[in-house]
C-alpha atoms as a PDB file:
ATOM      1  CA  MET A   1     -22.000  14.061  -7.659  1.00  0.00           C
ATOM      2  CA  ASP A   2     -24.633  14.764 -10.364  1.00  0.00           C
ATOM      3  CA  ARG A   3     -28.198  15.979  -9.783  1.00  0.00           C
ATOM      4  CA  GLY A   4     -29.577  12.460  -9.778  1.00  0.00           C
ATOM      5  CA  GLY A   5     -27.083  11.486  -7.127  1.00  0.00           C
ATOM      6  CA  LEU A   6     -27.925  14.555  -5.085  1.00  0.00           C
ATOM      7  CA  ARG A   7     -31.644  13.728  -5.250  1.00  0.00           C
ATOM      8  CA  ALA A   8     -30.929  10.171  -4.130  1.00  0.00           C
ATOM      9  CA  ALA A   9     -28.712  11.466  -1.347  1.00  0.00           C
ATOM     10  CA  ALA A  10     -31.341  13.936  -0.191  1.00  0.00           C
ATOM     11  CA  GLY A  11     -34.034  11.272  -0.215  1.00  0.00           C
ATOM     12  CA  CYS A  12     -31.958   8.772   1.752  1.00  0.00           C
ATOM     13  CA  SER A  13     -30.809  11.428   4.203  1.00  0.00           C
ATOM     14  CA  LEU A  14     -34.385  12.614   4.770  1.00  0.00           C
ATOM     15  CA  THR A  15     -35.552   9.042   5.364  1.00  0.00           C
ATOM     16  CA  LEU A  16     -32.770   8.508   7.889  1.00  0.00           C
ATOM     17  CA  LEU A  17     -33.527  11.772   9.685  1.00  0.00           C
ATOM     18  CA  VAL A  18     -37.250  10.979   9.858  1.00  0.00           C
ATOM     19  CA  ALA A  19     -36.461   7.554  11.323  1.00  0.00           C
ATOM     20  CA  LEU A  20     -34.157   9.069  13.921  1.00  0.00           C
ATOM     21  CA  GLY A  21     -36.716  11.737  14.740  1.00  0.00           C
ATOM     22  CA  ALA A  22     -39.416   9.138  15.230  1.00  0.00           C
ATOM     23  CA  LEU A  23     -37.103   7.215  17.513  1.00  0.00           C
ATOM     24  CA  ALA A  24     -36.357  10.298  19.592  1.00  0.00           C
ATOM     25  CA  ALA A  25     -40.033  11.244  19.846  1.00  0.00           C
ATOM     26  CA  ALA A  26     -41.305   7.781  20.709  1.00  0.00           C
ATOM     27  CA  PRO A  27     -42.099   7.202  24.390  1.00  0.00           C
ATOM     28  CA  ALA A  28     -39.679   4.881  26.145  1.00  0.00           C
ATOM     29  CA  PRO A  29     -41.136   1.544  27.271  1.00  0.00           C
ATOM     30  CA  ALA A  30     -41.539   0.992  30.976  1.00  0.00           C
ATOM     31  CA  PHE A  31     -38.662  -1.503  31.057  1.00  0.00           C
ATOM     32  CA  ALA A  32     -36.236   0.753  29.139  1.00  0.00           C
ATOM     33  CA  GLN A  33     -32.695   0.872  30.461  1.00  0.00           C
ATOM     34  CA  SER A  34     -30.290   3.809  30.280  1.00  0.00           C
ATOM     35  CA  PRO A  35     -28.825   4.699  26.860  1.00  0.00           C
ATOM     36  CA  GLU A  36     -25.243   3.659  26.203  1.00  0.00           C
ATOM     37  CA  LEU A  37     -22.468   5.656  24.522  1.00  0.00           C
ATOM     38  CA  THR A  38     -19.471   3.780  23.098  1.00  0.00           C
ATOM     39  CA  ALA A  39     -16.259   5.416  21.837  1.00  0.00           C
ATOM     40  CA  PHE A  40     -14.256   2.993  19.695  1.00  0.00           C
ATOM     41  CA  ALA A  41     -11.181   2.655  17.506  1.00  0.00           C
ATOM     42  CA  GLY A  42     -10.297  -0.098  15.091  1.00  0.00           C
ATOM     43  CA  VAL A  43      -8.589  -1.141  11.884  1.00  0.00           C
ATOM     44  CA  ARG A  44     -10.053  -2.106   8.516  1.00  0.00           C
ATOM     45  CA  THR A  45      -8.531  -4.206   5.748  1.00  0.00           C
ATOM     46  CA  GLY A  46      -9.650  -5.552   2.393  1.00  0.00           C
ATOM     47  CA  PHE A  47      -9.891  -2.459   0.177  1.00  0.00           C
ATOM     48  CA  GLU A  48      -9.717  -3.380  -3.520  1.00  0.00           C
ATOM     49  CA  PHE A  49      -9.313  -0.607  -6.093  1.00  0.00           C
ATOM     50  CA  GLU A  50      -8.282  -0.493  -9.750  1.00  0.00           C
ATOM     51  CA  ASP A  51      -6.649   2.112 -11.972  1.00  0.00           C
ATOM     52  CA  GLY A  52      -9.484   3.927 -13.724  1.00  0.00           C
ATOM     53  CA  ALA A  53      -7.663   3.864 -17.076  1.00  0.00           C
ATOM     54  CA  THR A  54      -5.678   0.606 -17.141  1.00  0.00           C
ATOM     55  CA  GLY A  55      -7.506  -1.645 -14.678  1.00  0.00           C
ATOM     56  CA  ALA A  56      -4.279  -2.342 -12.787  1.00  0.00           C
ATOM     57  CA  ASP A  57      -4.641  -3.165  -9.088  1.00  0.00           C
ATOM     58  CA  ARG A  58      -4.365  -0.237  -6.678  1.00  0.00           C
ATOM     59  CA  PRO A  59      -4.095  -1.839  -3.233  1.00  0.00           C
ATOM     60  CA  ALA A  60      -4.606   0.142  -0.037  1.00  0.00           C
ATOM     61  CA  ASP A  61      -2.977  -0.700   3.271  1.00  0.00           C
ATOM     62  CA  GLU A  62      -4.894  -1.378   6.471  1.00  0.00           C
ATOM     63  CA  SER A  63      -6.298   1.865   7.821  1.00  0.00           C
ATOM     64  CA  PRO A  64      -7.462   2.987  11.262  1.00  0.00           C
ATOM     65  CA  THR A  65     -11.067   3.827  12.091  1.00  0.00           C
ATOM     66  CA  LEU A  66     -12.690   5.701  14.937  1.00  0.00           C
ATOM     67  CA  GLY A  67     -16.265   6.435  15.873  1.00  0.00           C
ATOM     68  CA  LEU A  68     -19.140   6.625  18.299  1.00  0.00           C
ATOM     69  CA  MET A  69     -22.128   4.362  18.965  1.00  0.00           C
ATOM     70  CA  LEU A  70     -25.283   5.545  20.737  1.00  0.00           C
ATOM     71  CA  GLY A  71     -27.370   2.624  21.984  1.00  0.00           C
ATOM     72  CA  PHE A  72     -30.984   2.550  23.160  1.00  0.00           C
ATOM     73  CA  PRO A  73     -31.708  -0.718  25.026  1.00  0.00           C
ATOM     74  CA  LEU A  74     -35.072  -2.188  24.045  1.00  0.00           C
ATOM     75  CA  ASP A  75     -34.928  -4.972  26.638  1.00  0.00           C
ATOM     76  CA  ASN A  76     -32.267  -7.066  28.353  1.00  0.00           C
ATOM     77  CA  ASP A  77     -31.082  -8.601  25.065  1.00  0.00           C
ATOM     78  CA  ARG A  78     -31.771  -6.110  22.248  1.00  0.00           C
ATOM     79  CA  THR A  79     -30.267  -2.648  21.698  1.00  0.00           C
ATOM     80  CA  LEU A  80     -31.045  -0.169  18.911  1.00  0.00           C
ATOM     81  CA  GLU A  81     -27.859   1.631  17.840  1.00  0.00           C
ATOM     82  CA  VAL A  82     -26.903   4.739  15.839  1.00  0.00           C
ATOM     83  CA  VAL A  83     -23.265   4.496  14.689  1.00  0.00           C
ATOM     84  CA  TRP A  84     -20.880   7.119  13.248  1.00  0.00           C
ATOM     85  CA  THR A  85     -17.550   5.934  11.810  1.00  0.00           C
ATOM     86  CA  HIS A  86     -14.634   7.849  10.253  1.00  0.00           C
ATOM     87  CA  GLN A  87     -11.889   6.322   8.104  1.00  0.00           C
ATOM     88  CA  GLN A  88      -8.962   7.823   6.166  1.00  0.00           C
ATOM     89  CA  VAL A  89      -7.399   5.817   3.311  1.00  0.00           C
ATOM     90  CA  ASP A  90      -4.473   6.572   0.955  1.00  0.00           C
ATOM     91  CA  VAL A  91      -4.514   4.819  -2.429  1.00  0.00           C
ATOM     92  CA  ALA A  92      -1.601   4.834  -4.888  1.00  0.00           C
ATOM     93  CA  ALA A  93      -2.640   6.723  -8.024  1.00  0.00           C
ATOM     94  CA  SER A  94       0.011   5.096 -10.253  1.00  0.00           C
ATOM     95  CA  ASP A  95       2.765   2.469 -10.370  1.00  0.00           C
ATOM     96  CA  ASP A  96       5.570   5.042 -10.504  1.00  0.00           C
ATOM     97  CA  GLY A  97       5.278   6.180  -6.878  1.00  0.00           C
ATOM     98  CA  GLY A  98       3.238   9.287  -7.616  1.00  0.00           C
ATOM     99  CA  THR A  99       1.114  11.153  -5.117  1.00  0.00           C
ATOM    100  CA  ASP A 100      -1.424   8.997  -3.296  1.00  0.00           C
ATOM    101  CA  VAL A 101      -5.112   9.817  -3.499  1.00  0.00           C
ATOM    102  CA  GLY A 102      -6.468  10.470  -0.010  1.00  0.00           C
ATOM    103  CA  LEU A 103     -10.018   9.315   0.676  1.00  0.00           C
ATOM    104  CA  ARG A 104     -12.203   9.990   3.703  1.00  0.00           C
ATOM    105  CA  PHE A 105     -15.165   7.754   4.539  1.00  0.00           C
ATOM    106  CA  ASP A 106     -17.728   9.076   7.056  1.00  0.00           C
ATOM    107  CA  SER A 107     -20.588   6.679   7.779  1.00  0.00           C
ATOM    108  CA  LEU A 108     -23.865   7.129   9.662  1.00  0.00           C
ATOM    109  CA  THR A 109     -25.747   3.875  10.130  1.00  0.00           C
ATOM    110  CA  VAL A 110     -28.663   2.592  12.202  1.00  0.00           C
ATOM    111  CA  GLY A 111     -29.121  -0.961  13.416  1.00  0.00           C
ATOM    112  CA  GLY A 112     -28.752  -2.932  16.585  1.00  0.00           C
ATOM    113  CA  THR A 113     -27.340  -5.789  18.595  1.00  0.00           C
ATOM    114  CA  TYR A 114     -28.724  -8.956  20.118  1.00  0.00           C
ATOM    115  CA  GLU A 115     -26.954 -10.180  23.292  1.00  0.00           C
ATOM    116  CA  TRP A 116     -27.393 -13.401  25.236  1.00  0.00           C
ATOM    117  CA  GLY A 117     -26.124 -14.930  28.433  1.00  0.00           C
ATOM    118  CA  GLN A 118     -25.987 -13.597  31.974  1.00  0.00           C
ATOM    119  CA  HIS A 119     -22.263 -14.035  32.558  1.00  0.00           C
ATOM    120  CA  ALA A 120     -19.511 -11.432  32.929  1.00  0.00           C
ATOM    121  CA  VAL A 121     -18.775 -11.715  29.199  1.00  0.00           C
ATOM    122  CA  ARG A 122     -21.866 -11.196  27.009  1.00  0.00           C
ATOM    123  CA  PRO A 123     -21.567 -12.284  23.350  1.00  0.00           C
ATOM    124  CA  PHE A 124     -23.621 -10.442  20.720  1.00  0.00           C
ATOM    125  CA  VAL A 125     -24.347 -10.190  17.007  1.00  0.00           C
ATOM    126  CA  SER A 126     -24.866  -6.864  15.239  1.00  0.00           C
ATOM    127  CA  ALA A 127     -26.170  -5.404  11.982  1.00  0.00           C
ATOM    128  CA  THR A 128     -26.479  -1.837  10.658  1.00  0.00           C
ATOM    129  CA  ALA A 129     -27.414  -0.022   7.443  1.00  0.00           C
ATOM    130  CA  GLY A 130     -27.087   3.603   6.383  1.00  0.00           C
ATOM    131  CA  LEU A 131     -24.998   6.022   4.335  1.00  0.00           C
ATOM    132  CA  THR A 132     -21.304   6.765   3.791  1.00  0.00           C
ATOM    133  CA  LEU A 133     -19.942  10.052   2.423  1.00  0.00           C
ATOM    134  CA  LEU A 134     -16.805   9.438   0.322  1.00  0.00           C
ATOM    135  CA  SER A 135     -14.713  12.647   0.242  1.00  0.00           C
ATOM    136  CA  PRO A 136     -11.473  12.725  -1.809  1.00  0.00           C
ATOM    137  CA  ASP A 137      -8.812  15.074  -0.446  1.00  0.00           C
ATOM    138  CA  ASP A 138      -8.180  16.351  -3.993  1.00  0.00           C
ATOM    139  CA  SER A 139     -10.887  18.838  -5.001  1.00  0.00           C
ATOM    140  CA  ASP A 140     -10.556  17.705  -8.646  1.00  0.00           C
ATOM    141  CA  TYR A 141     -12.583  14.620  -7.732  1.00  0.00           C
ATOM    142  CA  ASP A 142     -16.247  14.506  -6.763  1.00  0.00           C
ATOM    143  CA  MET A 143     -17.710  13.467  -3.458  1.00  0.00           C
ATOM    144  CA  ASP A 144     -19.915  10.392  -3.602  1.00  0.00           C
ATOM    145  CA  LEU A 145     -22.651   8.995  -1.396  1.00  0.00           C
ATOM    146  CA  LEU A 146     -22.558   5.249  -0.767  1.00  0.00           C
ATOM    147  CA  PHE A 147     -24.946   2.787   0.794  1.00  0.00           C
ATOM    148  CA  ALA A 148     -23.261   1.195   3.815  1.00  0.00           C
ATOM    149  CA  GLY A 149     -24.061  -2.001   5.663  1.00  0.00           C
ATOM    150  CA  THR A 150     -22.315  -4.058   8.351  1.00  0.00           C
ATOM    151  CA  LEU A 151     -22.682  -7.506   9.929  1.00  0.00           C
ATOM    152  CA  GLY A 152     -20.678  -8.394  13.004  1.00  0.00           C
ATOM    153  CA  ALA A 153     -20.219 -10.304  16.226  1.00  0.00           C
ATOM    154  CA  GLY A 154     -18.339  -9.678  19.434  1.00  0.00           C
ATOM    155  CA  VAL A 155     -18.425  -9.527  23.200  1.00  0.00           C
ATOM    156  CA  LYS A 156     -19.184  -6.894  25.829  1.00  0.00           C
ATOM    157  CA  VAL A 157     -17.247  -7.051  29.083  1.00  0.00           C
ATOM    158  CA  PRO A 158     -18.778  -4.860  31.816  1.00  0.00           C
ATOM    159  CA  PHE A 159     -16.520  -3.854  34.708  1.00  0.00           C
ATOM    160  CA  SER A 160     -19.325  -2.029  36.529  1.00  0.00           C
ATOM    161  CA  LYS A 161     -23.080  -1.560  36.133  1.00  0.00           C
ATOM    162  CA  ARG A 162     -22.511   1.548  33.993  1.00  0.00           C
ATOM    163  CA  ALA A 163     -19.276   0.940  32.050  1.00  0.00           C
ATOM    164  CA  GLY A 164     -17.345  -1.738  30.241  1.00  0.00           C
ATOM    165  CA  LEU A 165     -15.394  -2.797  27.170  1.00  0.00           C
ATOM    166  CA  ARG A 166     -16.630  -3.868  23.734  1.00  0.00           C
ATOM    167  CA  PHE A 167     -14.711  -6.019  21.231  1.00  0.00           C
ATOM    168  CA  GLU A 168     -16.146  -6.691  17.778  1.00  0.00           C
ATOM    169  CA  GLY A 169     -15.312  -7.999  14.328  1.00  0.00           C
ATOM    170  CA  ARG A 170     -17.561  -7.076  11.428  1.00  0.00           C
ATOM    171  CA  GLY A 171     -17.823  -7.138   7.674  1.00  0.00           C
ATOM    172  CA  VAL A 172     -18.398  -3.797   5.965  1.00  0.00           C
ATOM    173  CA  ALA A 173     -19.938  -3.270   2.508  1.00  0.00           C
ATOM    174  CA  MET A 174     -20.346   0.026   0.619  1.00  0.00           C
ATOM    175  CA  LEU A 175     -22.150   0.496  -2.709  1.00  0.00           C
ATOM    176  CA  SER A 176     -22.546   3.644  -4.813  1.00  0.00           C
ATOM    177  CA  LEU A 177     -26.044   5.147  -4.914  1.00  0.00           C
ATOM    178  CA  ASP A 178     -25.616   7.059  -8.199  1.00  0.00           C
ATOM    179  CA  GLY A 179     -23.920   4.374 -10.287  1.00  0.00           C
ATOM    180  CA  SER A 180     -20.437   5.908 -10.268  1.00  0.00           C
ATOM    181  CA  ALA A 181     -17.607   3.438 -10.666  1.00  0.00           C
ATOM    182  CA  GLY A 182     -15.123   4.937  -8.219  1.00  0.00           C
ATOM    183  CA  VAL A 183     -13.283   8.175  -7.475  1.00  0.00           C
ATOM    184  CA  CYS A 184     -14.216  10.320 -10.459  1.00  0.00           C
ATOM    185  CA  GLY A 185     -14.080  13.909 -11.706  1.00  0.00           C
ATOM    186  CA  PRO A 186     -14.536  15.884 -14.934  1.00  0.00           C
ATOM    187  CA  GLY A 187     -11.498  14.128 -16.443  1.00  0.00           C
ATOM    188  CA  GLY A 188     -12.713  10.613 -15.660  1.00  0.00           C
ATOM    189  CA  CYS A 189     -12.155   8.132 -12.852  1.00  0.00           C
ATOM    190  CA  ALA A 190      -8.679   8.018 -11.326  1.00  0.00           C
ATOM    191  CA  ILE A 191      -9.528   5.042  -9.124  1.00  0.00           C
ATOM    192  CA  ALA A 192     -12.243   2.490  -9.840  1.00  0.00           C
ATOM    193  CA  PHE A 193     -13.958   0.095  -7.461  1.00  0.00           C
ATOM    194  CA  ALA A 194     -12.911  -3.526  -7.996  1.00  0.00           C
ATOM    195  CA  GLY A 195     -16.401  -4.868  -8.569  1.00  0.00           C
ATOM    196  CA  SER A 196     -19.728  -3.244  -7.716  1.00  0.00           C
ATOM    197  CA  GLY A 197     -18.497  -1.587  -4.515  1.00  0.00           C
ATOM    198  CA  ILE A 198     -16.175  -1.915  -1.535  1.00  0.00           C
ATOM    199  CA  GLY A 199     -15.898  -4.788   0.926  1.00  0.00           C
ATOM    200  CA  GLN A 200     -13.803  -4.739   4.110  1.00  0.00           C
ATOM    201  CA  PHE A 201     -13.262  -6.492   7.414  1.00  0.00           C
ATOM    202  CA  GLU A 202     -12.969  -4.452  10.614  1.00  0.00           C
ATOM    203  CA  LEU A 203     -11.709  -5.232  14.108  1.00  0.00           C
ATOM    204  CA  LEU A 204     -12.589  -2.709  16.807  1.00  0.00           C
ATOM    205  CA  ALA A 205     -12.361  -2.139  20.527  1.00  0.00           C
ATOM    206  CA  GLY A 206     -14.347   0.400  22.499  1.00  0.00           C
ATOM    207  CA  LEU A 207     -15.250   1.765  25.905  1.00  0.00           C
ATOM    208  CA  TRP A 208     -18.961   2.075  26.715  1.00  0.00           C
ATOM    209  CA  PHE A 209     -20.838   3.710  29.545  1.00  0.00           C
ATOM    210  CA  SER A 210     -24.520   4.239  30.312  1.00  0.00           C
ATOM    211  CA  PHE A 211     -26.061   7.501  31.463  1.00  0.00           C
END
């Protein structure tokens, strides 16, 4: 990542930290409920990459995800959420069966959910925005910082007042902040994004509890 990218990363990270700090310091409203912690696992599909030199397609298989969500209920329907997600992806570097390029995506996003209904199954919609750190396993390639955003919908199924299950499907978009075209290093880009960034679809299931 070049100096311009580092400055953009630092600025975005500082903004995110200030927002989280303000949230932590703000007094809770009188009707505030207990925070919720959700541990989840899922699968993502839809990666589209290209060979950095030839433009040939470099598909990636479905890959697992895991993460944590920390929710702060604002009222009976709305919850503010901080979400961390980790994903590992292997992309073929060539057509001849050469060594795959391993990529790690670690995202920290902030957003929320809106729930409705008073039944045992509560549907919701969700949205988040934040940052993703793209880290190639090969040190010859540079790390990159991406803008990340998600839109989703799902259901929460409580089995007690303080615990339950969460099922969700969501679209995931990631865009480079410093204008890089993919997984690049001093020798050029081995893998290029197919388009202006990365788009995926994710299905996840999680266990939540309040404390």
